[in-house]
Amino acid sequence: MKERVAVVTGAAGGIGLAMARRFGEEGMSVVLADVEEPALLESERSLADAGYDVQGVVCDVRHWESVEALAEAALSKYGRVHVVCNNAGVGSGSQGPMWEHELNDWAWGMGVNVMGVVHGIKAFVPILLEQEEGHVVNTSSGNGGLAPLPGTPIYAVTKSAVTVLSECLHGQLAAVTDKVKVSVLYPGPNWMRTGIFDSERNRPEELLQERPRTTPGTSFEILKQQMQDAGLPFEETPLAEVADVVVRGLLDESFWMHPASDRADEMVRKRADSMLRRSNPDYMIENRPAAAGGIRKD
């Protein structure tokens, strides 16, 4: 990986920043992209002070022109790109059942979590194919990609879409080359300290909710307390471990990037078993207490 170039969206913090730092440790140059400019500049300074070769680019992945400009900036700076991490995401949601969710909630979640990946693929895959080498990493989630939580339908739907996008991209790339790969990342299996719990800070004005909130926002600490109060298990995964999973997956050219988890494996089996048996998805009912209990990703 030494002297290769990576582009990471959502890199001002959380998983994106952890991946960028880990890539720097491997001797890679990294283009950091994020919509939150102050945090992006701070992360860029922090990594540069640590001796890593980084370049920050403000980018709103909802907009094609912004991602196109990101690709142009990466090529202008380094002349090539080898790893593209479509990682930017938001925890868009609403209070109550999905039929009461506002359309702006759906538009924001789909715009960042799904179209952000689509834009990344459209902007960078032609570059990778022209170079005849490269790797795309799309960040999904166990909540949706493996087994959805009914209390967070928007997030689960968008992350399910990222998994299917990645599977289709794998099939299409394999038909034309064996030099450009794709992976889907499930950062779990446990909770992580990321900015997704405070996604509203970056919500665009044109997609604000029409009705005011009736419950406080959720932070990592609030979520942790809610889980403990409900008697539910709460385990934390260090972000550095997620970055290690990504590096190992890149070196091994693994499509599925997710750490071993008995709990996640069980949910996958339950879901597959329900489909094969043509039975009702009772695992969603089993998941309901964990998705309720006052926990909201809005």
C-alpha atoms as a PDB file:
ATOM      1  CA  MET A   1       0.000   0.000   0.000  1.00  0.00           C
ATOM      2  CA  LYS A   2       3.018   2.293   0.322  1.00  0.00           C
ATOM      3  CA  GLU A   3       3.031   5.279  -2.040  1.00  0.00           C
ATOM      4  CA  ARG A   4      -0.544   4.564  -3.122  1.00  0.00           C
ATOM      5  CA  VAL A   5      -3.292   7.216  -2.975  1.00  0.00           C
ATOM      6  CA  ALA A   6      -6.586   6.917  -1.108  1.00  0.00           C
ATOM      7  CA  VAL A   7      -9.687   9.111  -1.199  1.00  0.00           C
ATOM      8  CA  VAL A   8     -11.964   8.929   1.850  1.00  0.00           C
ATOM      9  CA  THR A   9     -15.327  10.679   2.147  1.00  0.00           C
ATOM     10  CA  GLY A  10     -16.716  11.492   5.558  1.00  0.00           C
ATOM     11  CA  ALA A  11     -13.087  11.783   6.665  1.00  0.00           C
ATOM     12  CA  ALA A  12     -13.339  14.673   9.137  1.00  0.00           C
ATOM     13  CA  GLY A  13     -14.075  12.254  11.964  1.00  0.00           C
ATOM     14  CA  GLY A  14     -15.251   8.825  13.002  1.00  0.00           C
ATOM     15  CA  ILE A  15     -14.574   5.822  10.787  1.00  0.00           C
ATOM     16  CA  GLY A  16     -13.396   7.976   7.878  1.00  0.00           C
ATOM     17  CA  LEU A  17     -10.705   9.670   9.942  1.00  0.00           C
ATOM     18  CA  ALA A  18      -9.634   6.339  11.445  1.00  0.00           C
ATOM     19  CA  MET A  19      -9.220   4.878   7.949  1.00  0.00           C
ATOM     20  CA  ALA A  20      -7.295   7.938   6.778  1.00  0.00           C
ATOM     21  CA  ARG A  21      -4.916   7.706   9.732  1.00  0.00           C
ATOM     22  CA  ARG A  22      -4.393   3.978   9.173  1.00  0.00           C
ATOM     23  CA  PHE A  23      -3.709   4.549   5.472  1.00  0.00           C
ATOM     24  CA  GLY A  24      -1.153   7.170   6.449  1.00  0.00           C
ATOM     25  CA  GLU A  25       0.536   4.638   8.709  1.00  0.00           C
ATOM     26  CA  GLU A  26       0.805   2.346   5.693  1.00  0.00           C
ATOM     27  CA  GLY A  27       2.636   5.055   3.745  1.00  0.00           C
ATOM     28  CA  MET A  28      -0.311   6.109   1.600  1.00  0.00           C
ATOM     29  CA  SER A  29      -1.219   9.648   0.562  1.00  0.00           C
ATOM     30  CA  VAL A  30      -4.804  10.462   1.529  1.00  0.00           C
ATOM     31  CA  VAL A  31      -7.383  12.898   0.198  1.00  0.00           C
ATOM     32  CA  LEU A  32      -9.775  13.739   3.032  1.00  0.00           C
ATOM     33  CA  ALA A  33     -13.260  14.758   1.908  1.00  0.00           C
ATOM     34  CA  ASP A  34     -16.058  16.031   4.130  1.00  0.00           C
ATOM     35  CA  VAL A  35     -18.938  18.480   4.079  1.00  0.00           C
ATOM     36  CA  GLU A  36     -18.003  19.904   7.509  1.00  0.00           C
ATOM     37  CA  GLU A  37     -15.160  22.303   6.699  1.00  0.00           C
ATOM     38  CA  PRO A  38     -13.929  23.302  10.206  1.00  0.00           C
ATOM     39  CA  ALA A  39     -13.685  19.677  11.345  1.00  0.00           C
ATOM     40  CA  LEU A  40     -12.072  18.719   8.038  1.00  0.00           C
ATOM     41  CA  LEU A  41      -9.374  21.371   8.382  1.00  0.00           C
ATOM     42  CA  GLU A  42      -8.656  20.283  11.946  1.00  0.00           C
ATOM     43  CA  SER A  43      -8.323  16.632  10.919  1.00  0.00           C
ATOM     44  CA  GLU A  44      -6.114  17.604   7.996  1.00  0.00           C
ATOM     45  CA  ARG A  45      -3.809  19.550  10.336  1.00  0.00           C
ATOM     46  CA  SER A  46      -3.728  16.717  12.854  1.00  0.00           C
ATOM     47  CA  LEU A  47      -2.692  14.113  10.286  1.00  0.00           C
ATOM     48  CA  ALA A  48      -0.197  16.440   8.628  1.00  0.00           C
ATOM     49  CA  ASP A  49       1.383  17.205  12.008  1.00  0.00           C
ATOM     50  CA  ALA A  50       1.743  13.451  12.510  1.00  0.00           C
ATOM     51  CA  GLY A  51       3.808  13.320   9.333  1.00  0.00           C
ATOM     52  CA  TYR A  52       1.200  11.974   6.918  1.00  0.00           C
ATOM     53  CA  ASP A  53       0.736  13.222   3.354  1.00  0.00           C
ATOM     54  CA  VAL A  54      -2.859  14.460   3.281  1.00  0.00           C
ATOM     55  CA  GLN A  55      -5.036  16.896   1.380  1.00  0.00           C
ATOM     56  CA  GLY A  56      -8.448  18.109   2.570  1.00  0.00           C
ATOM     57  CA  VAL A  57     -11.264  18.810   0.106  1.00  0.00           C
ATOM     58  CA  VAL A  58     -14.680  20.124   1.095  1.00  0.00           C
ATOM     59  CA  CYS A  59     -17.253  17.881  -0.578  1.00  0.00           C
ATOM     60  CA  ASP A  60     -21.001  17.324  -0.325  1.00  0.00           C
ATOM     61  CA  VAL A  61     -21.489  13.822  -1.689  1.00  0.00           C
ATOM     62  CA  ARG A  62     -25.193  14.506  -2.347  1.00  0.00           C
ATOM     63  CA  HIS A  63     -24.177  16.552  -5.363  1.00  0.00           C
ATOM     64  CA  TRP A  64     -22.528  15.071  -8.435  1.00  0.00           C
ATOM     65  CA  GLU A  65     -20.632  18.263  -9.227  1.00  0.00           C
ATOM     66  CA  SER A  66     -19.031  18.217  -5.776  1.00  0.00           C
ATOM     67  CA  VAL A  67     -17.837  14.613  -6.073  1.00  0.00           C
ATOM     68  CA  GLU A  68     -16.658  15.241  -9.624  1.00  0.00           C
ATOM     69  CA  ALA A  69     -14.606  18.164  -8.292  1.00  0.00           C
ATOM     70  CA  LEU A  70     -13.218  15.882  -5.574  1.00  0.00           C
ATOM     71  CA  ALA A  71     -11.938  13.445  -8.195  1.00  0.00           C
ATOM     72  CA  GLU A  72     -10.392  16.308 -10.159  1.00  0.00           C
ATOM     73  CA  ALA A  73      -8.709  17.643  -7.006  1.00  0.00           C
ATOM     74  CA  ALA A  74      -7.274  14.206  -6.184  1.00  0.00           C
ATOM     75  CA  LEU A  75      -5.837  13.808  -9.678  1.00  0.00           C
ATOM     76  CA  SER A  76      -4.516  17.364  -9.683  1.00  0.00           C
ATOM     77  CA  LYS A  77      -2.692  16.765  -6.400  1.00  0.00           C
ATOM     78  CA  TYR A  78      -1.410  13.212  -6.871  1.00  0.00           C
ATOM     79  CA  GLY A  79      -2.008  12.256 -10.500  1.00  0.00           C
ATOM     80  CA  ARG A  80      -3.649   8.949  -9.583  1.00  0.00           C
ATOM     81  CA  VAL A  81      -6.040   7.265  -7.150  1.00  0.00           C
ATOM     82  CA  HIS A  82      -5.856   3.675  -5.929  1.00  0.00           C
ATOM     83  CA  VAL A  83      -8.357   3.310  -3.075  1.00  0.00           C
ATOM     84  CA  VAL A  84     -11.737   5.056  -2.918  1.00  0.00           C
ATOM     85  CA  CYS A  85     -13.704   4.822   0.332  1.00  0.00           C
ATOM     86  CA  ASN A  86     -17.319   5.922  -0.103  1.00  0.00           C
ATOM     87  CA  ASN A  87     -17.802   6.335   3.628  1.00  0.00           C
ATOM     88  CA  ALA A  88     -19.841   9.513   4.194  1.00  0.00           C
ATOM     89  CA  GLY A  89     -23.160   8.796   5.890  1.00  0.00           C
ATOM     90  CA  VAL A  90     -25.870  10.307   8.072  1.00  0.00           C
ATOM     91  CA  GLY A  91     -28.291   8.868  10.587  1.00  0.00           C
ATOM     92  CA  SER A  92     -31.405  10.338   9.031  1.00  0.00           C
ATOM     93  CA  GLY A  93     -34.636   9.399  10.701  1.00  0.00           C
ATOM     94  CA  SER A  94     -37.768  10.611  12.382  1.00  0.00           C
ATOM     95  CA  GLN A  95     -39.810   9.928  15.456  1.00  0.00           C
ATOM     96  CA  GLY A  96     -42.478   7.279  15.339  1.00  0.00           C
ATOM     97  CA  PRO A  97     -43.373   4.817  12.578  1.00  0.00           C
ATOM     98  CA  MET A  98     -42.030   5.184   9.053  1.00  0.00           C
ATOM     99  CA  TRP A  99     -45.407   6.201   7.626  1.00  0.00           C
ATOM    100  CA  GLU A 100     -45.105   9.352   9.733  1.00  0.00           C
ATOM    101  CA  HIS A 101     -41.543  10.136   8.631  1.00  0.00           C
ATOM    102  CA  GLU A 102     -41.167  13.344   6.671  1.00  0.00           C
ATOM    103  CA  LEU A 103     -40.128  13.114   3.042  1.00  0.00           C
ATOM    104  CA  ASN A 104     -37.177  15.364   3.800  1.00  0.00           C
ATOM    105  CA  ASP A 105     -35.855  12.682   6.151  1.00  0.00           C
ATOM    106  CA  TRP A 106     -35.903  10.180   3.293  1.00  0.00           C
ATOM    107  CA  ALA A 107     -34.432  12.664   0.802  1.00  0.00           C
ATOM    108  CA  TRP A 108     -31.515  13.506   3.088  1.00  0.00           C
ATOM    109  CA  GLY A 109     -30.732   9.906   3.996  1.00  0.00           C
ATOM    110  CA  MET A 110     -30.951   8.683   0.414  1.00  0.00           C
ATOM    111  CA  GLY A 111     -29.002  11.674  -0.874  1.00  0.00           C
ATOM    112  CA  VAL A 112     -25.987  11.089   1.360  1.00  0.00           C
ATOM    113  CA  ASN A 113     -25.994   7.366   2.073  1.00  0.00           C
ATOM    114  CA  VAL A 114     -27.012   6.091  -1.362  1.00  0.00           C
ATOM    115  CA  MET A 115     -26.429   8.773  -3.980  1.00  0.00           C
ATOM    116  CA  GLY A 116     -23.146   9.647  -2.291  1.00  0.00           C
ATOM    117  CA  VAL A 117     -21.945   6.134  -3.082  1.00  0.00           C
ATOM    118  CA  VAL A 118     -23.403   6.285  -6.598  1.00  0.00           C
ATOM    119  CA  HIS A 119     -21.561   9.547  -7.237  1.00  0.00           C
ATOM    120  CA  GLY A 120     -18.329   8.082  -5.874  1.00  0.00           C
ATOM    121  CA  ILE A 121     -18.610   5.080  -8.168  1.00  0.00           C
ATOM    122  CA  LYS A 122     -19.409   7.213 -11.217  1.00  0.00           C
ATOM    123  CA  ALA A 123     -16.565   9.665 -10.542  1.00  0.00           C
ATOM    124  CA  PHE A 124     -13.777   7.270  -9.594  1.00  0.00           C
ATOM    125  CA  VAL A 125     -14.341   3.856 -11.180  1.00  0.00           C
ATOM    126  CA  PRO A 126     -13.526   5.136 -14.709  1.00  0.00           C
ATOM    127  CA  ILE A 127     -10.247   6.478 -13.284  1.00  0.00           C
ATOM    128  CA  LEU A 128      -9.426   3.132 -11.684  1.00  0.00           C
ATOM    129  CA  LEU A 129     -10.258   1.256 -14.885  1.00  0.00           C
ATOM    130  CA  GLU A 130      -8.051   3.549 -16.949  1.00  0.00           C
ATOM    131  CA  GLN A 131      -5.199   2.929 -14.503  1.00  0.00           C
ATOM    132  CA  GLU A 132      -5.971  -0.818 -14.591  1.00  0.00           C
ATOM    133  CA  GLU A 133      -5.742  -1.046 -10.802  1.00  0.00           C
ATOM    134  CA  GLY A 134      -7.704   0.122  -7.808  1.00  0.00           C
ATOM    135  CA  HIS A 135     -10.169  -0.743  -5.065  1.00  0.00           C
ATOM    136  CA  VAL A 136     -13.511   0.738  -4.000  1.00  0.00           C
ATOM    137  CA  VAL A 137     -14.691   0.370  -0.392  1.00  0.00           C
ATOM    138  CA  ASN A 138     -18.343   1.199   0.304  1.00  0.00           C
ATOM    139  CA  THR A 139     -19.372   1.622   3.942  1.00  0.00           C
ATOM    140  CA  SER A 140     -22.626  -0.158   4.726  1.00  0.00           C
ATOM    141  CA  SER A 141     -23.859  -1.226   8.162  1.00  0.00           C
ATOM    142  CA  GLY A 142     -24.979  -4.335   9.959  1.00  0.00           C
ATOM    143  CA  ASN A 143     -28.215  -2.383  10.440  1.00  0.00           C
ATOM    144  CA  GLY A 144     -29.546  -2.931   6.959  1.00  0.00           C
ATOM    145  CA  GLY A 145     -26.754  -4.717   5.187  1.00  0.00           C
ATOM    146  CA  LEU A 146     -26.924  -7.758   7.443  1.00  0.00           C
ATOM    147  CA  ALA A 147     -30.141  -7.467   9.458  1.00  0.00           C
ATOM    148  CA  PRO A 148     -32.243  -4.272   9.647  1.00  0.00           C
ATOM    149  CA  LEU A 149     -33.501  -2.726  12.868  1.00  0.00           C
ATOM    150  CA  PRO A 150     -37.173  -1.794  12.434  1.00  0.00           C
ATOM    151  CA  GLY A 151     -36.788   1.346  14.560  1.00  0.00           C
ATOM    152  CA  THR A 152     -34.417   2.951  12.033  1.00  0.00           C
ATOM    153  CA  PRO A 153     -36.009   2.265   8.631  1.00  0.00           C
ATOM    154  CA  ILE A 154     -34.400   5.088   6.648  1.00  0.00           C
ATOM    155  CA  TYR A 155     -30.895   4.204   7.748  1.00  0.00           C
ATOM    156  CA  ALA A 156     -31.520   0.481   7.266  1.00  0.00           C
ATOM    157  CA  VAL A 157     -32.923   0.987   3.765  1.00  0.00           C
ATOM    158  CA  THR A 158     -29.991   3.138   2.655  1.00  0.00           C
ATOM    159  CA  LYS A 159     -27.372   0.757   4.015  1.00  0.00           C
ATOM    160  CA  SER A 160     -29.118  -2.211   2.402  1.00  0.00           C
ATOM    161  CA  ALA A 161     -28.889  -0.314  -0.879  1.00  0.00           C
ATOM    162  CA  VAL A 162     -25.134   0.168  -0.388  1.00  0.00           C
ATOM    163  CA  THR A 163     -24.706  -3.587  -0.040  1.00  0.00           C
ATOM    164  CA  VAL A 164     -26.638  -4.309  -3.242  1.00  0.00           C
ATOM    165  CA  LEU A 165     -24.782  -1.548  -5.101  1.00  0.00           C
ATOM    166  CA  SER A 166     -21.513  -3.153  -4.069  1.00  0.00           C
ATOM    167  CA  GLU A 167     -22.616  -6.642  -5.100  1.00  0.00           C
ATOM    168  CA  CYS A 168     -23.685  -5.393  -8.525  1.00  0.00           C
ATOM    169  CA  LEU A 169     -20.452  -3.446  -8.938  1.00  0.00           C
ATOM    170  CA  HIS A 170     -18.474  -6.571  -8.065  1.00  0.00           C
ATOM    171  CA  GLY A 171     -20.243  -8.511 -10.793  1.00  0.00           C
ATOM    172  CA  GLN A 172     -19.818  -5.802 -13.411  1.00  0.00           C
ATOM    173  CA  LEU A 173     -16.148  -5.163 -12.637  1.00  0.00           C
ATOM    174  CA  ALA A 174     -15.366  -8.880 -12.753  1.00  0.00           C
ATOM    175  CA  ALA A 175     -16.791  -8.963 -16.271  1.00  0.00           C
ATOM    176  CA  VAL A 176     -14.255  -6.439 -17.548  1.00  0.00           C
ATOM    177  CA  THR A 177     -11.158  -6.686 -15.333  1.00  0.00           C
ATOM    178  CA  ASP A 178      -9.483  -8.552 -12.495  1.00  0.00           C
ATOM    179  CA  LYS A 179      -7.454  -5.504 -11.449  1.00  0.00           C
ATOM    180  CA  VAL A 180     -10.193  -3.280  -9.964  1.00  0.00           C
ATOM    181  CA  LYS A 181     -11.944  -4.628  -6.890  1.00  0.00           C
ATOM    182  CA  VAL A 182     -14.796  -3.570  -4.625  1.00  0.00           C
ATOM    183  CA  SER A 183     -15.583  -4.298  -0.992  1.00  0.00           C
ATOM    184  CA  VAL A 184     -18.494  -3.578   1.308  1.00  0.00           C
ATOM    185  CA  LEU A 185     -17.624  -2.604   4.878  1.00  0.00           C
ATOM    186  CA  TYR A 186     -19.729  -3.505   7.918  1.00  0.00           C
ATOM    187  CA  PRO A 187     -17.972  -1.583  10.704  1.00  0.00           C
ATOM    188  CA  GLY A 188     -19.636  -3.498  13.600  1.00  0.00           C
ATOM    189  CA  PRO A 189     -20.387  -5.680  15.302  1.00  0.00           C
ATOM    190  CA  ASN A 190     -20.646  -3.259  18.226  1.00  0.00           C
ATOM    191  CA  TRP A 191     -21.372   0.446  18.692  1.00  0.00           C
ATOM    192  CA  MET A 192     -18.772   3.069  17.735  1.00  0.00           C
ATOM    193  CA  ARG A 193     -18.095   6.664  18.741  1.00  0.00           C
ATOM    194  CA  THR A 194     -18.838   8.477  15.501  1.00  0.00           C
ATOM    195  CA  GLY A 195     -20.526  11.705  14.519  1.00  0.00           C
ATOM    196  CA  ILE A 196     -23.476   9.867  12.999  1.00  0.00           C
ATOM    197  CA  PHE A 197     -25.376  10.266  16.269  1.00  0.00           C
ATOM    198  CA  ASP A 198     -25.189  14.028  15.734  1.00  0.00           C
ATOM    199  CA  SER A 199     -25.835  14.085  12.002  1.00  0.00           C
ATOM    200  CA  GLU A 200     -28.314  16.966  12.288  1.00  0.00           C
ATOM    201  CA  ARG A 201     -25.394  19.386  12.654  1.00  0.00           C
ATOM    202  CA  ASN A 202     -24.761  19.006   8.911  1.00  0.00           C
ATOM    203  CA  ARG A 203     -28.339  18.789   7.704  1.00  0.00           C
ATOM    204  CA  PRO A 204     -28.913  21.147   4.747  1.00  0.00           C
ATOM    205  CA  GLU A 205     -31.430  23.915   5.254  1.00  0.00           C
ATOM    206  CA  GLU A 206     -33.571  22.857   2.301  1.00  0.00           C
ATOM    207  CA  LEU A 207     -34.081  19.423   3.870  1.00  0.00           C
ATOM    208  CA  LEU A 208     -34.909  20.453   7.436  1.00  0.00           C
ATOM    209  CA  GLN A 209     -37.838  18.778   9.164  1.00  0.00           C
ATOM    210  CA  GLU A 210     -41.109  20.671   8.960  1.00  0.00           C
ATOM    211  CA  ARG A 211     -42.245  19.601  12.434  1.00  0.00           C
ATOM    212  CA  PRO A 212     -40.082  20.395  15.470  1.00  0.00           C
ATOM    213  CA  ARG A 213     -38.567  17.526  17.436  1.00  0.00           C
ATOM    214  CA  THR A 214     -40.372  16.355  20.564  1.00  0.00           C
ATOM    215  CA  THR A 215     -37.438  14.345  21.949  1.00  0.00           C
ATOM    216  CA  PRO A 216     -33.786  15.320  22.500  1.00  0.00           C
ATOM    217  CA  GLY A 217     -31.132  14.316  20.006  1.00  0.00           C
ATOM    218  CA  THR A 218     -29.054  11.205  20.554  1.00  0.00           C
ATOM    219  CA  SER A 219     -25.355  11.110  21.344  1.00  0.00           C
ATOM    220  CA  PHE A 220     -23.091   8.129  21.918  1.00  0.00           C
ATOM    221  CA  GLU A 221     -23.292   8.629  25.679  1.00  0.00           C
ATOM    222  CA  ILE A 222     -27.082   9.020  25.639  1.00  0.00           C
ATOM    223  CA  LEU A 223     -27.390   5.871  23.553  1.00  0.00           C
ATOM    224  CA  LYS A 224     -25.118   3.988  25.916  1.00  0.00           C
ATOM    225  CA  GLN A 225     -27.196   5.040  28.931  1.00  0.00           C
ATOM    226  CA  GLN A 226     -30.464   4.155  27.178  1.00  0.00           C
ATOM    227  CA  MET A 227     -29.188   0.686  26.337  1.00  0.00           C
ATOM    228  CA  GLN A 228     -27.998   0.097  29.880  1.00  0.00           C
ATOM    229  CA  ASP A 229     -31.267   1.395  31.369  1.00  0.00           C
ATOM    230  CA  ALA A 230     -33.156  -1.017  29.111  1.00  0.00           C
ATOM    231  CA  GLY A 231     -30.976  -3.896  30.283  1.00  0.00           C
ATOM    232  CA  LEU A 232     -29.531  -4.374  26.805  1.00  0.00           C
ATOM    233  CA  PRO A 233     -25.880  -5.273  26.121  1.00  0.00           C
ATOM    234  CA  PHE A 234     -23.635  -2.402  25.087  1.00  0.00           C
ATOM    235  CA  GLU A 235     -20.195  -3.045  23.667  1.00  0.00           C
ATOM    236  CA  GLU A 236     -17.924  -0.547  21.965  1.00  0.00           C
ATOM    237  CA  THR A 237     -15.655  -1.209  18.987  1.00  0.00           C
ATOM    238  CA  PRO A 238     -12.585   1.071  18.783  1.00  0.00           C
ATOM    239  CA  LEU A 239     -12.462   2.874  15.450  1.00  0.00           C
ATOM    240  CA  ALA A 240      -8.861   1.793  14.947  1.00  0.00           C
ATOM    241  CA  GLU A 241     -10.060  -1.819  14.806  1.00  0.00           C
ATOM    242  CA  VAL A 242     -12.429  -0.949  11.965  1.00  0.00           C
ATOM    243  CA  ALA A 243      -9.553   0.657  10.065  1.00  0.00           C
ATOM    244  CA  ASP A 244      -7.495  -2.512  10.599  1.00  0.00           C
ATOM    245  CA  VAL A 245     -10.317  -4.562   9.089  1.00  0.00           C
ATOM    246  CA  VAL A 246     -10.252  -2.328   6.014  1.00  0.00           C
ATOM    247  CA  VAL A 247      -6.493  -2.618   5.545  1.00  0.00           C
ATOM    248  CA  ARG A 248      -6.570  -6.405   5.906  1.00  0.00           C
ATOM    249  CA  GLY A 249      -9.485  -6.584   3.485  1.00  0.00           C
ATOM    250  CA  LEU A 250      -7.657  -4.484   0.906  1.00  0.00           C
ATOM    251  CA  LEU A 251      -4.532  -6.620   1.125  1.00  0.00           C
ATOM    252  CA  ASP A 252      -6.596  -9.824   0.898  1.00  0.00           C
ATOM    253  CA  GLU A 253      -8.912  -8.382  -1.794  1.00  0.00           C
ATOM    254  CA  SER A 254     -11.919  -9.389   0.307  1.00  0.00           C
ATOM    255  CA  PHE A 255     -15.376  -8.353  -0.815  1.00  0.00           C
ATOM    256  CA  TRP A 256     -16.979  -8.714   2.630  1.00  0.00           C
ATOM    257  CA  MET A 257     -15.195  -6.545   5.176  1.00  0.00           C
ATOM    258  CA  HIS A 258     -16.666  -7.268   8.578  1.00  0.00           C
ATOM    259  CA  PRO A 259     -15.175  -8.697  11.763  1.00  0.00           C
ATOM    260  CA  ALA A 260     -16.288 -12.040  13.096  1.00  0.00           C
ATOM    261  CA  SER A 261     -19.415 -11.791  15.240  1.00  0.00           C
ATOM    262  CA  ASP A 262     -21.579 -14.647  16.487  1.00  0.00           C
ATOM    263  CA  ARG A 263     -24.487 -12.225  16.924  1.00  0.00           C
ATOM    264  CA  ALA A 264     -24.256 -10.895  13.378  1.00  0.00           C
ATOM    265  CA  ASP A 265     -23.847 -14.383  11.936  1.00  0.00           C
ATOM    266  CA  GLU A 266     -26.959 -15.513  13.791  1.00  0.00           C
ATOM    267  CA  MET A 267     -29.018 -12.672  12.344  1.00  0.00           C
ATOM    268  CA  VAL A 268     -27.822 -13.451   8.817  1.00  0.00           C
ATOM    269  CA  ARG A 269     -28.805 -17.090   9.271  1.00  0.00           C
ATOM    270  CA  LYS A 270     -32.246 -16.144  10.612  1.00  0.00           C
ATOM    271  CA  ARG A 271     -32.859 -13.839   7.681  1.00  0.00           C
ATOM    272  CA  ALA A 272     -31.703 -16.386   5.105  1.00  0.00           C
ATOM    273  CA  ASP A 273     -33.702 -19.139   6.807  1.00  0.00           C
ATOM    274  CA  SER A 274     -36.871 -17.033   6.684  1.00  0.00           C
ATOM    275  CA  MET A 275     -36.381 -16.453   2.947  1.00  0.00           C
ATOM    276  CA  LEU A 276     -35.634 -20.089   2.169  1.00  0.00           C
ATOM    277  CA  ARG A 277     -38.599 -21.311   4.195  1.00  0.00           C
ATOM    278  CA  ARG A 278     -40.906 -18.615   2.767  1.00  0.00           C
ATOM    279  CA  SER A 279     -41.814 -17.775   6.391  1.00  0.00           C
ATOM    280  CA  ASN A 280     -42.617 -14.422   7.965  1.00  0.00           C
ATOM    281  CA  PRO A 281     -39.598 -12.348   9.087  1.00  0.00           C
ATOM    282  CA  ASP A 282     -40.097 -12.908  12.796  1.00  0.00           C
ATOM    283  CA  TYR A 283     -36.507 -11.857  13.414  1.00  0.00           C
ATOM    284  CA  MET A 284     -37.737  -8.291  12.876  1.00  0.00           C
ATOM    285  CA  ILE A 285     -40.123  -8.706  15.784  1.00  0.00           C
ATOM    286  CA  GLU A 286     -37.286 -10.070  17.883  1.00  0.00           C
ATOM    287  CA  ASN A 287     -35.228  -6.993  16.972  1.00  0.00           C
ATOM    288  CA  ARG A 288     -38.004  -4.607  17.949  1.00  0.00           C
ATOM    289  CA  PRO A 289     -37.099  -4.153  21.651  1.00  0.00           C
ATOM    290  CA  ALA A 290     -33.528  -3.243  20.723  1.00  0.00           C
ATOM    291  CA  ALA A 291     -34.724  -0.712  18.173  1.00  0.00           C
ATOM    292  CA  ALA A 292     -37.286   0.822  20.526  1.00  0.00           C
ATOM    293  CA  GLY A 293     -36.447   1.740  24.103  1.00  0.00           C
ATOM    294  CA  GLY A 294     -36.215   5.438  23.235  1.00  0.00           C
ATOM    295  CA  ILE A 295     -33.355   4.960  20.790  1.00  0.00           C
ATOM    296  CA  ARG A 296     -33.696   7.135  17.706  1.00  0.00           C
ATOM    297  CA  LYS A 297     -31.187   7.849  14.963  1.00  0.00           C
ATOM    298  CA  ASP A 298     -32.753  11.193  14.137  1.00  0.00           C
END
